[in-house]
Amino acid sequence: MPRDASKLTCEEFRGQLSDLINSDADLEDHPHVKACPTCRQMVQELEVIAEEARKLFPSEWSEVSWWPR
């Protein structure tokens, strides 16, 4: 029987974090995150990091060639 996600320890939640991120799950909606202020803050900080990282790379590459081919 699967364990109640709201009763996970922080360590158990962090152990599942990469799988949750890779599944495109809404982490802010996860029962542990809703119940744990420490993990909620960590998830919010990860969201900020991810958003800033997305800004570093264009979603579409320019047609301008910066380097000779």
PDB file of N, CA and C in Angstrom:
ATOM      1  N   MET A   1       0.843  -1.178   0.000  1.00  0.00           N
ATOM      2  CA  MET A   1       0.000   0.000   0.000  1.00  0.00           C
ATOM      3  C   MET A   1       0.891   1.245   0.000  1.00  0.00           C
ATOM      4  N   PRO A   2       0.630   2.207  -0.902  1.00  0.00           N
ATOM      5  CA  PRO A   2       1.444   3.423  -0.933  1.00  0.00           C
ATOM      6  C   PRO A   2       1.275   4.230   0.346  1.00  0.00           C
ATOM      7  N   ARG A   3       2.356   4.867   0.734  1.00  0.00           N
ATOM      8  CA  ARG A   3       2.336   5.678   1.946  1.00  0.00           C
ATOM      9  C   ARG A   3       1.643   7.009   1.677  1.00  0.00           C
ATOM     10  N   ASP A   4       0.916   7.514   2.658  1.00  0.00           N
ATOM     11  CA  ASP A   4       0.245   8.811   2.571  1.00  0.00           C
ATOM     12  C   ASP A   4       1.311   9.890   2.363  1.00  0.00           C
ATOM     13  N   ALA A   5       1.246  10.585   1.236  1.00  0.00           N
ATOM     14  CA  ALA A   5       2.261  11.574   0.870  1.00  0.00           C
ATOM     15  C   ALA A   5       2.355  12.715   1.870  1.00  0.00           C
ATOM     16  N   SER A   6       1.275  13.009   2.578  1.00  0.00           N
ATOM     17  CA  SER A   6       1.317  14.098   3.551  1.00  0.00           C
ATOM     18  C   SER A   6       2.089  13.697   4.805  1.00  0.00           C
ATOM     19  N   LYS A   7       2.359  12.413   4.967  1.00  0.00           N
ATOM     20  CA  LYS A   7       3.076  11.934   6.148  1.00  0.00           C
ATOM     21  C   LYS A   7       4.546  11.618   5.856  1.00  0.00           C
ATOM     22  N   LEU A   8       5.013  11.967   4.656  1.00  0.00           N
ATOM     23  CA  LEU A   8       6.415  11.765   4.326  1.00  0.00           C
ATOM     24  C   LEU A   8       7.295  12.646   5.204  1.00  0.00           C
ATOM     25  N   THR A   9       8.482  12.154   5.517  1.00  0.00           N
ATOM     26  CA  THR A   9       9.460  13.016   6.174  1.00  0.00           C
ATOM     27  C   THR A   9      10.092  13.895   5.089  1.00  0.00           C
ATOM     28  N   CYS A  10      10.781  14.926   5.517  1.00  0.00           N
ATOM     29  CA  CYS A  10      11.461  15.797   4.555  1.00  0.00           C
ATOM     30  C   CYS A  10      12.493  14.996   3.767  1.00  0.00           C
ATOM     31  N   GLU A  11      13.198  14.103   4.441  1.00  0.00           N
ATOM     32  CA  GLU A  11      14.203  13.280   3.766  1.00  0.00           C
ATOM     33  C   GLU A  11      13.551  12.385   2.705  1.00  0.00           C
ATOM     34  N   GLU A  12      12.416  11.794   3.023  1.00  0.00           N
ATOM     35  CA  GLU A  12      11.712  10.957   2.048  1.00  0.00           C
ATOM     36  C   GLU A  12      11.234  11.797   0.862  1.00  0.00           C
ATOM     37  N   PHE A  13      10.713  12.989   1.146  1.00  0.00           N
ATOM     38  CA  PHE A  13      10.260  13.870   0.072  1.00  0.00           C
ATOM     39  C   PHE A  13      11.425  14.236  -0.834  1.00  0.00           C
ATOM     40  N   ARG A  14      12.557  14.637  -0.247  1.00  0.00           N
ATOM     41  CA  ARG A  14      13.725  15.002  -1.050  1.00  0.00           C
ATOM     42  C   ARG A  14      14.232  13.814  -1.862  1.00  0.00           C
ATOM     43  N   GLY A  15      14.069  12.608  -1.322  1.00  0.00           N
ATOM     44  CA  GLY A  15      14.461  11.411  -2.051  1.00  0.00           C
ATOM     45  C   GLY A  15      13.615  11.185  -3.297  1.00  0.00           C
ATOM     46  N   GLN A  16      12.391  11.677  -3.295  1.00  0.00           N
ATOM     47  CA  GLN A  16      11.475  11.537  -4.433  1.00  0.00           C
ATOM     48  C   GLN A  16      11.496  12.757  -5.357  1.00  0.00           C
ATOM     49  N   LEU A  17      12.191  13.799  -4.955  1.00  0.00           N
ATOM     50  CA  LEU A  17      12.108  15.085  -5.641  1.00  0.00           C
ATOM     51  C   LEU A  17      12.489  15.011  -7.115  1.00  0.00           C
ATOM     52  N   SER A  18      13.577  14.335  -7.458  1.00  0.00           N
ATOM     53  CA  SER A  18      13.969  14.297  -8.873  1.00  0.00           C
ATOM     54  C   SER A  18      12.926  13.572  -9.709  1.00  0.00           C
ATOM     55  N   ASP A  19      12.325  12.509  -9.171  1.00  0.00           N
ATOM     56  CA  ASP A  19      11.259  11.811  -9.905  1.00  0.00           C
ATOM     57  C   ASP A  19      10.039  12.712 -10.073  1.00  0.00           C
ATOM     58  N   LEU A  20       9.711  13.470  -9.035  1.00  0.00           N
ATOM     59  CA  LEU A  20       8.564  14.379  -9.114  1.00  0.00           C
ATOM     60  C   LEU A  20       8.805  15.478 -10.142  1.00  0.00           C
ATOM     61  N   ILE A  21      10.014  16.020 -10.164  1.00  0.00           N
ATOM     62  CA  ILE A  21      10.341  17.068 -11.128  1.00  0.00           C
ATOM     63  C   ILE A  21      10.283  16.510 -12.541  1.00  0.00           C
ATOM     64  N   ASN A  22      10.839  15.327 -12.739  1.00  0.00           N
ATOM     65  CA  ASN A  22      10.844  14.709 -14.069  1.00  0.00           C
ATOM     66  C   ASN A  22       9.447  14.323 -14.537  1.00  0.00           C
ATOM     67  N   SER A  23       8.505  14.169 -13.620  1.00  0.00           N
ATOM     68  CA  SER A  23       7.143  13.808 -13.994  1.00  0.00           C
ATOM     69  C   SER A  23       6.298  15.037 -14.312  1.00  0.00           C
ATOM     70  N   ASP A  24       6.890  16.226 -14.218  1.00  0.00           N
ATOM     71  CA  ASP A  24       6.172  17.489 -14.431  1.00  0.00           C
ATOM     72  C   ASP A  24       5.029  17.670 -13.439  1.00  0.00           C
ATOM     73  N   ALA A  25       5.145  17.048 -12.280  1.00  0.00           N
ATOM     74  CA  ALA A  25       4.126  17.201 -11.246  1.00  0.00           C
ATOM     75  C   ALA A  25       4.140  18.638 -10.727  1.00  0.00           C
ATOM     76  N   ASP A  26       2.995  19.104 -10.282  1.00  0.00           N
ATOM     77  CA  ASP A  26       2.907  20.423  -9.659  1.00  0.00           C
ATOM     78  C   ASP A  26       3.372  20.265  -8.216  1.00  0.00           C
ATOM     79  N   LEU A  27       4.638  20.589  -7.960  1.00  0.00           N
ATOM     80  CA  LEU A  27       5.213  20.358  -6.634  1.00  0.00           C
ATOM     81  C   LEU A  27       4.521  21.161  -5.546  1.00  0.00           C
ATOM     82  N   GLU A  28       4.039  22.334  -5.878  1.00  0.00           N
ATOM     83  CA  GLU A  28       3.377  23.156  -4.861  1.00  0.00           C
ATOM     84  C   GLU A  28       2.057  22.532  -4.405  1.00  0.00           C
ATOM     85  N   ASP A  29       1.552  21.598  -5.195  1.00  0.00           N
ATOM     86  CA  ASP A  29       0.294  20.931  -4.860  1.00  0.00           C
ATOM     87  C   ASP A  29       0.528  19.606  -4.119  1.00  0.00           C
ATOM     88  N   HIS A  30       1.791  19.229  -3.945  1.00  0.00           N
ATOM     89  CA  HIS A  30       2.124  17.971  -3.267  1.00  0.00           C
ATOM     90  C   HIS A  30       1.715  18.079  -1.789  1.00  0.00           C
ATOM     91  N   PRO A  31       1.097  17.045  -1.241  1.00  0.00           N
ATOM     92  CA  PRO A  31       0.636  17.102   0.160  1.00  0.00           C
ATOM     93  C   PRO A  31       1.744  17.415   1.162  1.00  0.00           C
ATOM     94  N   HIS A  32       2.949  16.882   0.955  1.00  0.00           N
ATOM     95  CA  HIS A  32       4.036  17.181   1.902  1.00  0.00           C
ATOM     96  C   HIS A  32       4.415  18.651   1.837  1.00  0.00           C
ATOM     97  N   VAL A  33       4.484  19.202   0.637  1.00  0.00           N
ATOM     98  CA  VAL A  33       4.855  20.611   0.472  1.00  0.00           C
ATOM     99  C   VAL A  33       3.806  21.507   1.124  1.00  0.00           C
ATOM    100  N   LYS A  34       2.551  21.132   0.995  1.00  0.00           N
ATOM    101  CA  LYS A  34       1.482  21.928   1.621  1.00  0.00           C
ATOM    102  C   LYS A  34       1.600  21.902   3.142  1.00  0.00           C
ATOM    103  N   ALA A  35       2.096  20.787   3.701  1.00  0.00           N
ATOM    104  CA  ALA A  35       2.154  20.628   5.149  1.00  0.00           C
ATOM    105  C   ALA A  35       3.482  21.076   5.758  1.00  0.00           C
ATOM    106  N   CYS A  36       4.534  21.190   4.951  1.00  0.00           N
ATOM    107  CA  CYS A  36       5.872  21.452   5.491  1.00  0.00           C
ATOM    108  C   CYS A  36       6.413  22.789   4.995  1.00  0.00           C
ATOM    109  N   PRO A  37       6.545  23.766   5.872  1.00  0.00           N
ATOM    110  CA  PRO A  37       7.035  25.074   5.449  1.00  0.00           C
ATOM    111  C   PRO A  37       8.479  25.034   4.935  1.00  0.00           C
ATOM    112  N   THR A  38       9.310  24.158   5.465  1.00  0.00           N
ATOM    113  CA  THR A  38      10.698  24.062   5.021  1.00  0.00           C
ATOM    114  C   THR A  38      10.771  23.580   3.574  1.00  0.00           C
ATOM    115  N   CYS A  39      10.041  22.516   3.272  1.00  0.00           N
ATOM    116  CA  CYS A  39      10.058  21.986   1.903  1.00  0.00           C
ATOM    117  C   CYS A  39       9.309  22.910   0.949  1.00  0.00           C
ATOM    118  N   ARG A  40       8.286  23.595   1.435  1.00  0.00           N
ATOM    119  CA  ARG A  40       7.567  24.565   0.598  1.00  0.00           C
ATOM    120  C   ARG A  40       8.523  25.677   0.169  1.00  0.00           C
ATOM    121  N   GLN A  41       9.339  26.173   1.104  1.00  0.00           N
ATOM    122  CA  GLN A  41      10.310  27.214   0.770  1.00  0.00           C
ATOM    123  C   GLN A  41      11.343  26.680  -0.214  1.00  0.00           C
ATOM    124  N   MET A  42      11.801  25.443  -0.020  1.00  0.00           N
ATOM    125  CA  MET A  42      12.779  24.853  -0.928  1.00  0.00           C
ATOM    126  C   MET A  42      12.204  24.744  -2.339  1.00  0.00           C
ATOM    127  N   VAL A  43      10.951  24.301  -2.466  1.00  0.00           N
ATOM    128  CA  VAL A  43      10.309  24.168  -3.771  1.00  0.00           C
ATOM    129  C   VAL A  43      10.164  25.542  -4.425  1.00  0.00           C
ATOM    130  N   GLN A  44       9.795  26.546  -3.654  1.00  0.00           N
ATOM    131  CA  GLN A  44       9.675  27.897  -4.199  1.00  0.00           C
ATOM    132  C   GLN A  44      11.024  28.414  -4.692  1.00  0.00           C
ATOM    133  N   GLU A  45      12.086  28.126  -3.952  1.00  0.00           N
ATOM    134  CA  GLU A  45      13.418  28.548  -4.373  1.00  0.00           C
ATOM    135  C   GLU A  45      13.850  27.794  -5.634  1.00  0.00           C
ATOM    136  N   LEU A  46      13.521  26.521  -5.729  1.00  0.00           N
ATOM    137  CA  LEU A  46      13.833  25.752  -6.939  1.00  0.00           C
ATOM    138  C   LEU A  46      13.085  26.304  -8.151  1.00  0.00           C
ATOM    139  N   GLU A  47      11.846  26.750  -7.943  1.00  0.00           N
ATOM    140  CA  GLU A  47      11.069  27.351  -9.031  1.00  0.00           C
ATOM    141  C   GLU A  47      11.742  28.631  -9.526  1.00  0.00           C
ATOM    142  N   VAL A  48      12.248  29.451  -8.611  1.00  0.00           N
ATOM    143  CA  VAL A  48      12.940  30.689  -8.988  1.00  0.00           C
ATOM    144  C   VAL A  48      14.203  30.345  -9.783  1.00  0.00           C
ATOM    145  N   ILE A  49      14.964  29.362  -9.316  1.00  0.00           N
ATOM    146  CA  ILE A  49      16.184  28.951 -10.019  1.00  0.00           C
ATOM    147  C   ILE A  49      15.840  28.447 -11.417  1.00  0.00           C
ATOM    148  N   ALA A  50      14.806  27.627 -11.528  1.00  0.00           N
ATOM    149  CA  ALA A  50      14.409  27.085 -12.830  1.00  0.00           C
ATOM    150  C   ALA A  50      13.974  28.199 -13.775  1.00  0.00           C
ATOM    151  N   GLU A  51      13.226  29.160 -13.270  1.00  0.00           N
ATOM    152  CA  GLU A  51      12.771  30.276 -14.101  1.00  0.00           C
ATOM    153  C   GLU A  51      13.953  31.098 -14.592  1.00  0.00           C
ATOM    154  N   GLU A  52      14.902  31.370 -13.728  1.00  0.00           N
ATOM    155  CA  GLU A  52      16.081  32.135 -14.126  1.00  0.00           C
ATOM    156  C   GLU A  52      16.919  31.348 -15.132  1.00  0.00           C
ATOM    157  N   ALA A  53      17.010  30.049 -14.963  1.00  0.00           N
ATOM    158  CA  ALA A  53      17.760  29.217 -15.912  1.00  0.00           C
ATOM    159  C   ALA A  53      17.102  29.234 -17.288  1.00  0.00           C
ATOM    160  N   ARG A  54      15.772  29.205 -17.330  1.00  0.00           N
ATOM    161  CA  ARG A  54      15.063  29.257 -18.616  1.00  0.00           C
ATOM    162  C   ARG A  54      15.354  30.559 -19.358  1.00  0.00           C
ATOM    163  N   LYS A  55      15.573  31.627 -18.623  1.00  0.00           N
ATOM    164  CA  LYS A  55      15.861  32.927 -19.248  1.00  0.00           C
ATOM    165  C   LYS A  55      17.243  32.948 -19.906  1.00  0.00           C
ATOM    166  N   LEU A  56      18.130  32.057 -19.481  1.00  0.00           N
ATOM    167  CA  LEU A  56      19.486  32.036 -20.020  1.00  0.00           C
ATOM    168  C   LEU A  56      19.553  31.456 -21.423  1.00  0.00           C
ATOM    169  N   PHE A  57      18.584  30.623 -21.765  1.00  0.00           N
ATOM    170  CA  PHE A  57      18.618  29.939 -23.049  1.00  0.00           C
ATOM    171  C   PHE A  57      17.379  30.293 -23.856  1.00  0.00           C
ATOM    172  N   PRO A  58      17.580  30.670 -25.103  1.00  0.00           N
ATOM    173  CA  PRO A  58      16.414  31.012 -25.929  1.00  0.00           C
ATOM    174  C   PRO A  58      15.579  29.776 -26.230  1.00  0.00           C
ATOM    175  N   SER A  59      14.278  29.962 -26.310  1.00  0.00           N
ATOM    176  CA  SER A  59      13.410  28.834 -26.652  1.00  0.00           C
ATOM    177  C   SER A  59      13.496  28.534 -28.139  1.00  0.00           C
ATOM    178  N   GLU A  60      13.858  29.545 -28.926  1.00  0.00           N
ATOM    179  CA  GLU A  60      14.067  29.363 -30.362  1.00  0.00           C
ATOM    180  C   GLU A  60      15.414  29.973 -30.709  1.00  0.00           C
ATOM    181  N   TRP A  61      16.199  29.242 -31.451  1.00  0.00           N
ATOM    182  CA  TRP A  61      17.512  29.740 -31.833  1.00  0.00           C
ATOM    183  C   TRP A  61      17.394  30.712 -32.999  1.00  0.00           C
ATOM    184  N   SER A  62      18.190  31.712 -32.956  1.00  0.00           N
ATOM    185  CA  SER A  62      18.214  32.719 -34.002  1.00  0.00           C
ATOM    186  C   SER A  62      18.740  32.118 -35.300  1.00  0.00           C
ATOM    187  N   GLU A  63      18.304  32.689 -36.412  1.00  0.00           N
ATOM    188  CA  GLU A  63      18.801  32.265 -37.717  1.00  0.00           C
ATOM    189  C   GLU A  63      20.200  32.830 -37.983  1.00  0.00           C
ATOM    190  N   VAL A  64      20.609  33.796 -37.165  1.00  0.00           N
ATOM    191  CA  VAL A  64      21.924  34.402 -37.324  1.00  0.00           C
ATOM    192  C   VAL A  64      22.980  33.403 -36.861  1.00  0.00           C
ATOM    193  N   SER A  65      23.959  33.191 -37.719  1.00  0.00           N
ATOM    194  CA  SER A  65      25.044  32.285 -37.366  1.00  0.00           C
ATOM    195  C   SER A  65      26.145  33.081 -36.686  1.00  0.00           C
ATOM    196  N   TRP A  66      26.412  32.790 -35.446  1.00  0.00           N
ATOM    197  CA  TRP A  66      27.433  33.520 -34.697  1.00  0.00           C
ATOM    198  C   TRP A  66      28.823  32.987 -34.992  1.00  0.00           C
ATOM    199  N   TRP A  67      28.910  31.756 -35.412  1.00  0.00           N
ATOM    200  CA  TRP A  67      30.195  31.138 -35.708  1.00  0.00           C
ATOM    201  C   TRP A  67      30.154  30.585 -37.124  1.00  0.00           C
ATOM    202  N   PRO A  68      31.286  30.697 -37.830  1.00  0.00           N
ATOM    203  CA  PRO A  68      31.326  30.138 -39.185  1.00  0.00           C
ATOM    204  C   PRO A  68      31.162  28.623 -39.129  1.00  0.00           C
ATOM    205  N   ARG A  69      30.513  28.105 -40.150  1.00  0.00           N
ATOM    206  CA  ARG A  69      30.282  26.657 -40.181  1.00  0.00           C
ATOM    207  C   ARG A  69      31.280  25.969 -41.054  1.00  0.00           C
TER     208      ARG A  69
END
